[in-house]
Amino acid sequence: MVTIEEVRAFASQLPRAYEAVVGDRVKFRVGRIVFLAFSRDEKIMGFGFPKEERAALVSAEPEKFMMPSQGDLRYHWVHVRLGAIEHDEMAELVLDAWRMCVPKRVAAEVTDRLGVGGLAPEGQAAQPS
């Protein structure tokens, strides 16, 4: 089971990422783009994810993943239950969401440093407000 503290520790180390509290909810941004957001009870994490792939993700593992609210369907966004994932999966989801928001050069530097490959494509804003 993953906690918001574990996500915070990982996400805060990513270049250009910063934490903000908006309406009593913790969010992580790159510039003005939100790539992670937590429910008020901190049990659900919304994160940037390609629109074209989210229905397949949710239908493959409905015990973990959920579609975003109706208002957020226009964004590259999906939700996950933090209690249903392990640390490695959380790190991959956070890193993929962050990569969608930063320049390719910055993402490549971090990917090389962490030795992580096969992550989601960048260049698609992930931004529910």
Protein backbone atom coordinates (compact mmCIF):
# COMPACT_ATOMS: atom_id res chain seq x y z
CA MET A 1 0.00 0.00 0.00
CA VAL A 2 1.28 3.44 -0.97
CA THR A 3 0.77 6.62 1.07
CA ILE A 4 0.75 10.24 0.00
CA GLU A 5 4.01 10.68 1.91
CA GLU A 6 5.72 8.13 -0.37
CA VAL A 7 4.34 9.85 -3.46
CA ARG A 8 5.43 13.23 -2.11
CA ALA A 9 8.97 11.96 -1.44
CA PHE A 10 9.27 10.60 -4.98
CA ALA A 11 7.53 13.43 -6.90
CA SER A 12 9.32 16.24 -5.08
CA GLN A 13 12.67 14.93 -6.40
CA LEU A 14 11.64 15.32 -10.04
CA PRO A 15 13.06 18.39 -11.81
CA ARG A 16 10.63 21.30 -12.19
CA ALA A 17 7.98 19.57 -10.05
CA TYR A 18 6.50 21.38 -7.08
CA GLU A 19 3.71 20.82 -4.60
CA ALA A 20 0.71 23.11 -4.22
CA VAL A 21 -2.38 22.97 -2.04
CA VAL A 22 -5.52 24.04 -3.86
CA GLY A 23 -8.92 23.86 -2.16
CA ASP A 24 -7.56 21.59 0.60
CA ARG A 25 -6.16 19.17 -2.00
CA VAL A 26 -2.50 18.36 -2.59
CA LYS A 27 -1.39 18.70 -6.20
CA PHE A 28 1.92 18.45 -7.99
CA ARG A 29 2.68 20.68 -10.93
CA VAL A 30 5.25 21.45 -13.55
CA GLY A 31 4.75 25.12 -14.28
CA ARG A 32 0.98 25.55 -14.37
CA ILE A 33 0.29 21.97 -15.48
CA VAL A 34 -1.03 19.59 -12.82
CA PHE A 35 0.37 16.08 -13.21
CA LEU A 36 -0.78 14.63 -9.83
CA ALA A 37 -3.71 15.47 -7.59
CA PHE A 38 -5.03 13.76 -4.47
CA SER A 39 -8.53 13.40 -3.10
CA ARG A 40 -9.19 15.26 0.13
CA ASP A 41 -8.96 11.99 2.09
CA GLU A 42 -5.66 11.23 0.27
CA LYS A 43 -6.80 7.73 -0.76
CA ILE A 44 -7.18 8.45 -4.50
CA MET A 45 -4.48 9.89 -6.75
CA GLY A 46 -5.34 11.45 -10.09
CA PHE A 47 -2.48 11.49 -12.57
CA GLY A 48 -1.66 12.41 -16.14
CA PHE A 49 -2.27 9.53 -18.52
CA PRO A 50 -2.96 9.33 -22.27
CA LYS A 51 -6.70 9.59 -23.01
CA GLU A 52 -6.47 6.93 -25.71
CA GLU A 53 -5.22 4.32 -23.24
CA ARG A 54 -7.20 5.01 -20.08
CA ALA A 55 -10.34 2.97 -20.90
CA ALA A 56 -8.15 -0.10 -21.43
CA LEU A 57 -6.27 0.58 -18.18
CA VAL A 58 -9.46 0.95 -16.15
CA SER A 59 -11.18 -2.08 -17.69
CA ALA A 60 -8.06 -4.25 -17.20
CA GLU A 61 -7.74 -3.43 -13.48
CA PRO A 62 -10.97 -1.84 -12.16
CA GLU A 63 -9.97 -2.65 -8.57
CA LYS A 64 -7.05 -0.20 -8.97
CA PHE A 65 -7.98 2.37 -11.60
CA MET A 66 -11.00 4.60 -12.17
CA MET A 67 -12.06 7.02 -14.88
CA PRO A 68 -11.85 10.70 -13.93
CA SER A 69 -14.94 12.74 -13.17
CA GLN A 70 -17.09 13.87 -16.09
CA GLY A 71 -15.51 17.33 -15.96
CA ASP A 72 -11.99 15.92 -16.22
CA LEU A 73 -12.61 13.56 -19.17
CA ARG A 74 -11.29 16.19 -21.58
CA TYR A 75 -7.87 15.98 -19.93
CA HIS A 76 -5.22 13.28 -20.14
CA TRP A 77 -6.18 12.01 -16.70
CA VAL A 78 -7.12 8.88 -14.72
CA HIS A 79 -7.42 7.91 -11.02
CA VAL A 80 -5.82 5.16 -8.94
CA ARG A 81 -6.57 3.86 -5.45
CA LEU A 82 -3.32 4.31 -3.50
CA GLY A 83 -4.11 1.31 -1.32
CA ALA A 84 -4.18 -0.95 -4.39
CA ILE A 85 -0.67 -0.26 -5.70
CA GLU A 86 2.88 -0.92 -4.57
CA HIS A 87 5.77 1.53 -4.50
CA ASP A 88 7.29 0.49 -7.85
CA GLU A 89 3.98 0.90 -9.68
CA MET A 90 3.42 4.29 -8.03
CA ALA A 91 6.87 5.45 -9.12
CA GLU A 92 6.19 4.40 -12.71
CA LEU A 93 2.78 6.15 -12.79
CA VAL A 94 4.19 9.36 -11.27
CA LEU A 95 7.19 9.38 -13.57
CA ASP A 96 5.03 8.80 -16.66
CA ALA A 97 2.67 11.63 -15.65
CA TRP A 98 5.59 13.98 -14.99
CA ARG A 99 7.17 13.11 -18.36
CA MET A 100 4.01 14.28 -20.11
CA CYS A 101 4.66 17.80 -18.77
CA VAL A 102 8.39 18.39 -19.17
CA PRO A 103 10.59 18.88 -22.24
CA LYS A 104 11.89 15.67 -23.80
CA ARG A 105 15.46 16.59 -22.87
CA VAL A 106 14.60 16.88 -19.16
CA ALA A 107 12.63 13.62 -19.22
CA ALA A 108 15.50 11.83 -20.99
CA GLU A 109 18.02 12.99 -18.39
CA VAL A 110 15.92 11.60 -15.54
CA THR A 111 15.10 8.42 -17.43
CA ASP A 112 18.81 7.84 -18.06
CA ARG A 113 19.67 8.54 -14.42
CA LEU A 114 16.98 6.18 -13.12
CA GLY A 115 17.48 3.59 -15.83
CA VAL A 116 13.76 3.56 -16.62
CA GLY A 117 12.41 2.93 -20.11
CA GLY A 118 9.15 2.44 -21.90
CA LEU A 119 7.34 5.35 -20.29
CA ALA A 120 4.31 7.26 -21.60
CA PRO A 121 4.83 9.79 -24.40
CA GLU A 122 5.43 13.38 -23.45
CA GLY A 123 3.85 16.49 -24.88
CA GLN A 124 0.25 15.89 -23.82
CA ALA A 125 -0.93 18.16 -21.06
CA ALA A 126 -2.35 16.35 -18.08
CA GLN A 127 -4.14 19.21 -16.44
CA PRO A 128 -7.36 19.01 -14.49
CA SER A 129 -7.67 22.05 -12.30
